[in-house]
Amino acid sequence: MYAIIKNGGKQYKVQEGDYINVDKLDAQPKDRIKVSEVLAVNDGELRVGTPFVKGATVELEVVVSGKDKKVVIYKKRRRKDSKLKRGFRRQYTRVRVVSIAA
């Protein structure tokens, strides 16, 4: 059984027991979060919502919050002293999929 959920403008395909990194959430470790924005559920037959599947929820448990590896953005142009270097670290919350209720 799997589900496709929407969180933070992104879509994730999840199964029970999966670990995923989502955009930072305001939650402490061991908190439980219910996601009702379920786009599709497959439990033998595929049910697709318009836009969400009615009555379907996915329960997530927060594991830890952290930062991803640094992504370096570097631009160099032909002229002298014309370069730009910036870094970015995405903040995320690692969650575990506890259950999928269709």
C-alpha atoms as a PDB file:
ATOM      1  CA  MET A   1       0.000   0.000   0.000  1.00  0.00           C
ATOM      2  CA  TYR A   2       1.312   3.441  -0.890  1.00  0.00           C
ATOM      3  CA  ALA A   3       0.043   7.000  -0.984  1.00  0.00           C
ATOM      4  CA  ILE A   4       1.039  10.229  -2.679  1.00  0.00           C
ATOM      5  CA  ILE A   5       0.902  13.190  -0.304  1.00  0.00           C
ATOM      6  CA  LYS A   6       1.398  16.916  -0.723  1.00  0.00           C
ATOM      7  CA  ASN A   7       3.498  18.878   1.775  1.00  0.00           C
ATOM      8  CA  GLY A   8       5.146  22.261   1.330  1.00  0.00           C
ATOM      9  CA  GLY A   9       4.313  22.485  -2.376  1.00  0.00           C
ATOM     10  CA  LYS A  10       6.019  19.157  -3.104  1.00  0.00           C
ATOM     11  CA  GLN A  11       4.637  15.670  -3.651  1.00  0.00           C
ATOM     12  CA  TYR A  12       5.986  12.527  -1.973  1.00  0.00           C
ATOM     13  CA  LYS A  13       5.267   8.851  -2.646  1.00  0.00           C
ATOM     14  CA  VAL A  14       5.226   7.143   0.760  1.00  0.00           C
ATOM     15  CA  GLN A  15       4.728   3.683   2.238  1.00  0.00           C
ATOM     16  CA  GLU A  16       4.407   2.650   5.868  1.00  0.00           C
ATOM     17  CA  GLY A  17       7.815   2.672   7.537  1.00  0.00           C
ATOM     18  CA  ASP A  18       9.422   5.086   5.036  1.00  0.00           C
ATOM     19  CA  TYR A  19      11.595   7.974   6.178  1.00  0.00           C
ATOM     20  CA  ILE A  20      11.367  11.231   4.200  1.00  0.00           C
ATOM     21  CA  ASN A  21      12.787  14.742   4.540  1.00  0.00           C
ATOM     22  CA  VAL A  22      10.122  17.444   4.287  1.00  0.00           C
ATOM     23  CA  ASP A  23      10.415  21.215   4.598  1.00  0.00           C
ATOM     24  CA  LYS A  24      10.945  22.360   8.183  1.00  0.00           C
ATOM     25  CA  LEU A  25       7.902  21.851  10.420  1.00  0.00           C
ATOM     26  CA  ASP A  26       7.180  23.417  13.802  1.00  0.00           C
ATOM     27  CA  ALA A  27       7.236  20.144  15.728  1.00  0.00           C
ATOM     28  CA  GLN A  28       9.334  18.383  18.334  1.00  0.00           C
ATOM     29  CA  PRO A  29      10.741  14.849  17.973  1.00  0.00           C
ATOM     30  CA  LYS A  30       8.169  12.087  18.629  1.00  0.00           C
ATOM     31  CA  ASP A  31       5.268  14.442  17.713  1.00  0.00           C
ATOM     32  CA  ARG A  32       2.641  12.952  15.424  1.00  0.00           C
ATOM     33  CA  ILE A  33       1.290  14.867  12.436  1.00  0.00           C
ATOM     34  CA  LYS A  34      -1.745  13.935  10.330  1.00  0.00           C
ATOM     35  CA  VAL A  35      -1.617  14.887   6.665  1.00  0.00           C
ATOM     36  CA  SER A  36      -5.013  15.067   4.990  1.00  0.00           C
ATOM     37  CA  GLU A  37      -3.719  16.336   1.642  1.00  0.00           C
ATOM     38  CA  VAL A  38      -3.549  12.868   0.077  1.00  0.00           C
ATOM     39  CA  LEU A  39      -3.551  12.994  -3.724  1.00  0.00           C
ATOM     40  CA  ALA A  40      -3.739   9.241  -4.402  1.00  0.00           C
ATOM     41  CA  VAL A  41      -3.950   5.951  -2.507  1.00  0.00           C
ATOM     42  CA  ASN A  42      -3.170   2.485  -3.831  1.00  0.00           C
ATOM     43  CA  ASP A  43      -4.418  -0.392  -1.683  1.00  0.00           C
ATOM     44  CA  GLY A  44      -4.910  -2.949  -4.421  1.00  0.00           C
ATOM     45  CA  GLU A  45      -6.751  -0.462  -6.594  1.00  0.00           C
ATOM     46  CA  LEU A  46      -5.639   3.073  -7.331  1.00  0.00           C
ATOM     47  CA  ARG A  47      -7.886   5.873  -6.031  1.00  0.00           C
ATOM     48  CA  VAL A  48      -7.077   9.344  -7.277  1.00  0.00           C
ATOM     49  CA  GLY A  49      -8.600  12.418  -5.632  1.00  0.00           C
ATOM     50  CA  THR A  50     -10.032  15.569  -7.175  1.00  0.00           C
ATOM     51  CA  PRO A  51      -7.784  17.138  -5.858  1.00  0.00           C
ATOM     52  CA  PHE A  52      -7.641  15.104  -2.598  1.00  0.00           C
ATOM     53  CA  VAL A  53      -8.950  11.644  -1.679  1.00  0.00           C
ATOM     54  CA  LYS A  54     -11.863  12.021   0.761  1.00  0.00           C
ATOM     55  CA  GLY A  55     -11.326  10.397   4.148  1.00  0.00           C
ATOM     56  CA  ALA A  56      -7.700   9.437   3.473  1.00  0.00           C
ATOM     57  CA  THR A  57      -5.020  10.490   5.957  1.00  0.00           C
ATOM     58  CA  VAL A  58      -1.349   9.732   6.467  1.00  0.00           C
ATOM     59  CA  GLU A  59       0.135   9.834   9.962  1.00  0.00           C
ATOM     60  CA  LEU A  60       3.748  10.985  10.295  1.00  0.00           C
ATOM     61  CA  GLU A  61       6.062  10.885  13.313  1.00  0.00           C
ATOM     62  CA  VAL A  62       8.810  13.506  13.609  1.00  0.00           C
ATOM     63  CA  VAL A  63      12.263  11.967  14.001  1.00  0.00           C
ATOM     64  CA  VAL A  64      14.677  14.918  13.895  1.00  0.00           C
ATOM     65  CA  SER A  65      15.179  18.387  12.418  1.00  0.00           C
ATOM     66  CA  GLY A  66      18.370  19.435  10.673  1.00  0.00           C
ATOM     67  CA  LYS A  67      20.083  21.045   7.716  1.00  0.00           C
ATOM     68  CA  ASP A  68      21.051  19.534   4.358  1.00  0.00           C
ATOM     69  CA  LYS A  69      24.506  19.719   2.828  1.00  0.00           C
ATOM     70  CA  LYS A  70      25.564  23.114   1.563  1.00  0.00           C
ATOM     71  CA  VAL A  71      24.818  23.908  -2.067  1.00  0.00           C
ATOM     72  CA  VAL A  72      27.342  26.389  -3.487  1.00  0.00           C
ATOM     73  CA  ILE A  73      26.190  28.778  -6.186  1.00  0.00           C
ATOM     74  CA  TYR A  74      29.158  30.198  -8.092  1.00  0.00           C
ATOM     75  CA  LYS A  75      28.923  32.545 -11.074  1.00  0.00           C
ATOM     76  CA  LYS A  76      31.928  33.839 -12.949  1.00  0.00           C
ATOM     77  CA  ARG A  77      31.801  36.230 -15.852  1.00  0.00           C
ATOM     78  CA  ARG A  78      34.605  37.188 -18.255  1.00  0.00           C
ATOM     79  CA  ARG A  79      35.310  40.644 -16.860  1.00  0.00           C
ATOM     80  CA  LYS A  80      37.639  41.013 -13.896  1.00  0.00           C
ATOM     81  CA  ASP A  81      36.128  41.192 -10.392  1.00  0.00           C
ATOM     82  CA  SER A  82      32.879  39.907 -11.787  1.00  0.00           C
ATOM     83  CA  LYS A  83      32.163  36.807  -9.774  1.00  0.00           C
ATOM     84  CA  LEU A  84      29.612  35.754  -7.197  1.00  0.00           C
ATOM     85  CA  LYS A  85      29.758  32.951  -4.629  1.00  0.00           C
ATOM     86  CA  ARG A  86      26.872  32.092  -2.320  1.00  0.00           C
ATOM     87  CA  GLY A  87      25.893  29.078  -0.274  1.00  0.00           C
ATOM     88  CA  PHE A  88      22.536  27.683   0.796  1.00  0.00           C
ATOM     89  CA  ARG A  89      21.535  25.012   3.341  1.00  0.00           C
ATOM     90  CA  ARG A  90      17.946  23.802   3.290  1.00  0.00           C
ATOM     91  CA  GLN A  91      16.345  23.201   6.684  1.00  0.00           C
ATOM     92  CA  TYR A  92      14.340  19.992   6.864  1.00  0.00           C
ATOM     93  CA  THR A  93      12.390  17.782   9.230  1.00  0.00           C
ATOM     94  CA  ARG A  94      12.916  14.027   8.946  1.00  0.00           C
ATOM     95  CA  VAL A  95       9.661  12.120   9.455  1.00  0.00           C
ATOM     96  CA  ARG A  96       8.643   8.469   9.523  1.00  0.00           C
ATOM     97  CA  VAL A  97       5.391   7.287   7.972  1.00  0.00           C
ATOM     98  CA  VAL A  98       3.458   5.515  10.739  1.00  0.00           C
ATOM     99  CA  SER A  99       0.195   4.638   8.996  1.00  0.00           C
ATOM    100  CA  ILE A 100      -1.877   5.221   5.879  1.00  0.00           C
ATOM    101  CA  ALA A 101      -5.632   5.290   6.437  1.00  0.00           C
ATOM    102  CA  ALA A 102      -7.722   5.033   3.295  1.00  0.00           C
END
